[in-house]
Amino acid sequence: MYLVGEVKLFFGRQGGLILEGDGDGVSHPVGVTDQGMSYPLARNDFNDSEFCGPAFSTDGTWPFTNIQSPGFPRAITGPWTSPSNAATK
C-alpha cells in the first residue's frame, strides 16, 4: 500500500496517525502504528474518488473523513482492535 501525490495527515489525541492521499486503485485512509507499519482504516467502495478532509472528534475518539466527490462526510467506526502488524506489549 502506498500513497502518491498530495498526502493529508492528522493525529489523534492518543497519538494515532492517519494518512489520506491519492493512490492507485481503491482509496483507503491509512493508519500508521508506533513502529511505522501501515494498515487500511476504511475503504471507498462508492466510487474512485479519494478521501480528504481528515479530522478527529473534539474528544479524540472518532475519526472523520470525506469522500472528495461528491463530498460525502463519513465517520470511521470500529470495532477497534490493534492492527495485526502492531507490536505486542
Protein backbone atom coordinates (compact mmCIF):
# COMPACT_ATOMS: atom_id res chain seq x y z
CA MET A 1 0.00 0.00 0.00
CA TYR A 2 1.40 3.38 -0.93
CA LEU A 3 0.23 6.95 -1.40
CA VAL A 4 1.26 9.27 -4.22
CA GLY A 5 0.61 12.94 -4.84
CA GLU A 6 -0.64 15.19 -2.08
CA VAL A 7 -0.91 13.43 1.28
CA LYS A 8 -3.01 14.72 4.18
CA LEU A 9 -2.15 13.60 7.68
CA PHE A 10 -3.75 14.01 11.06
CA PHE A 11 -3.02 12.99 14.63
CA GLY A 12 -5.41 11.78 17.32
CA ARG A 13 -5.22 12.85 20.95
CA GLN A 14 -3.96 9.39 21.88
CA GLY A 15 -1.14 9.65 19.33
CA GLY A 16 -2.68 7.87 16.36
CA LEU A 17 -1.51 8.90 12.90
CA ILE A 18 -3.78 8.65 9.86
CA LEU A 19 -2.78 9.48 6.27
CA GLU A 20 -5.03 10.17 3.30
CA GLY A 21 -3.93 10.77 -0.26
CA ASP A 22 -4.04 9.90 -3.89
CA GLY A 23 -3.06 6.42 -4.93
CA ASP A 24 -3.68 3.71 -7.46
CA GLY A 25 -6.74 1.52 -7.06
CA VAL A 26 -9.29 1.72 -4.26
CA SER A 27 -8.90 4.67 -1.88
CA HIS A 28 -8.11 3.95 1.79
CA PRO A 29 -7.34 6.18 4.77
CA VAL A 30 -4.16 4.61 6.16
CA GLY A 31 -3.31 4.24 9.85
CA VAL A 32 0.31 4.06 10.99
CA THR A 33 1.47 2.12 14.06
CA ASP A 34 4.13 3.30 16.53
CA GLN A 35 6.53 1.02 14.62
CA GLY A 36 5.82 2.77 11.30
CA MET A 37 3.75 -0.06 9.81
CA SER A 38 0.70 0.96 7.74
CA TYR A 39 -2.79 -0.56 7.67
CA PRO A 40 -6.06 0.42 5.91
CA LEU A 41 -8.74 2.01 8.12
CA ALA A 42 -11.63 2.24 5.69
CA ARG A 43 -12.37 1.66 2.02
CA ASN A 44 -14.20 3.71 -0.59
CA ASP A 45 -16.44 1.23 -2.40
CA PHE A 46 -18.75 4.05 -3.57
CA ASN A 47 -16.61 5.44 -6.41
CA ASP A 48 -12.98 6.09 -7.37
CA SER A 49 -12.70 9.44 -5.58
CA GLU A 50 -10.12 9.98 -2.86
CA PHE A 51 -10.65 10.57 0.85
CA CYS A 52 -9.99 14.14 2.04
CA GLY A 53 -10.52 16.50 4.98
CA PRO A 54 -9.45 14.21 7.83
CA ALA A 55 -10.27 15.22 11.40
CA PHE A 56 -10.96 13.73 14.81
CA SER A 57 -13.95 14.50 17.02
CA THR A 58 -13.19 17.00 19.78
CA ASP A 59 -12.83 14.20 22.34
CA GLY A 60 -10.39 12.33 20.05
CA THR A 61 -12.42 9.13 19.78
CA TRP A 62 -13.95 9.31 16.30
CA PRO A 63 -12.03 9.90 13.08
CA PHE A 64 -13.98 11.65 10.33
CA THR A 65 -13.19 11.99 6.64
CA ASN A 66 -14.85 12.97 3.38
CA ILE A 67 -15.11 11.28 0.02
CA GLN A 68 -13.96 14.17 -2.18
CA SER A 69 -16.55 13.80 -4.89
CA PRO A 70 -19.48 14.19 -4.33
CA GLY A 71 -18.48 15.47 -0.87
CA PHE A 72 -19.74 12.75 1.49
CA PRO A 73 -18.62 13.22 5.11
CA ARG A 74 -18.09 9.93 6.95
CA ALA A 75 -17.26 8.79 10.48
CA ILE A 76 -14.89 5.82 10.64
CA THR A 77 -16.32 3.47 13.24
CA GLY A 78 -14.97 0.35 14.93
CA PRO A 79 -14.84 -2.17 16.32
CA TRP A 80 -11.30 -1.06 17.11
CA THR A 81 -8.57 -3.59 17.71
CA SER A 82 -4.81 -3.43 17.35
CA PRO A 83 -3.64 -3.86 13.74
CA SER A 84 -2.16 -7.27 13.05
CA ASN A 85 1.23 -5.65 12.40
CA ALA A 86 1.35 -3.71 15.70
CA ALA A 87 3.93 -4.58 18.35
CA THR A 88 2.63 -6.52 21.33
CA LYS A 89 3.22 -5.14 24.82
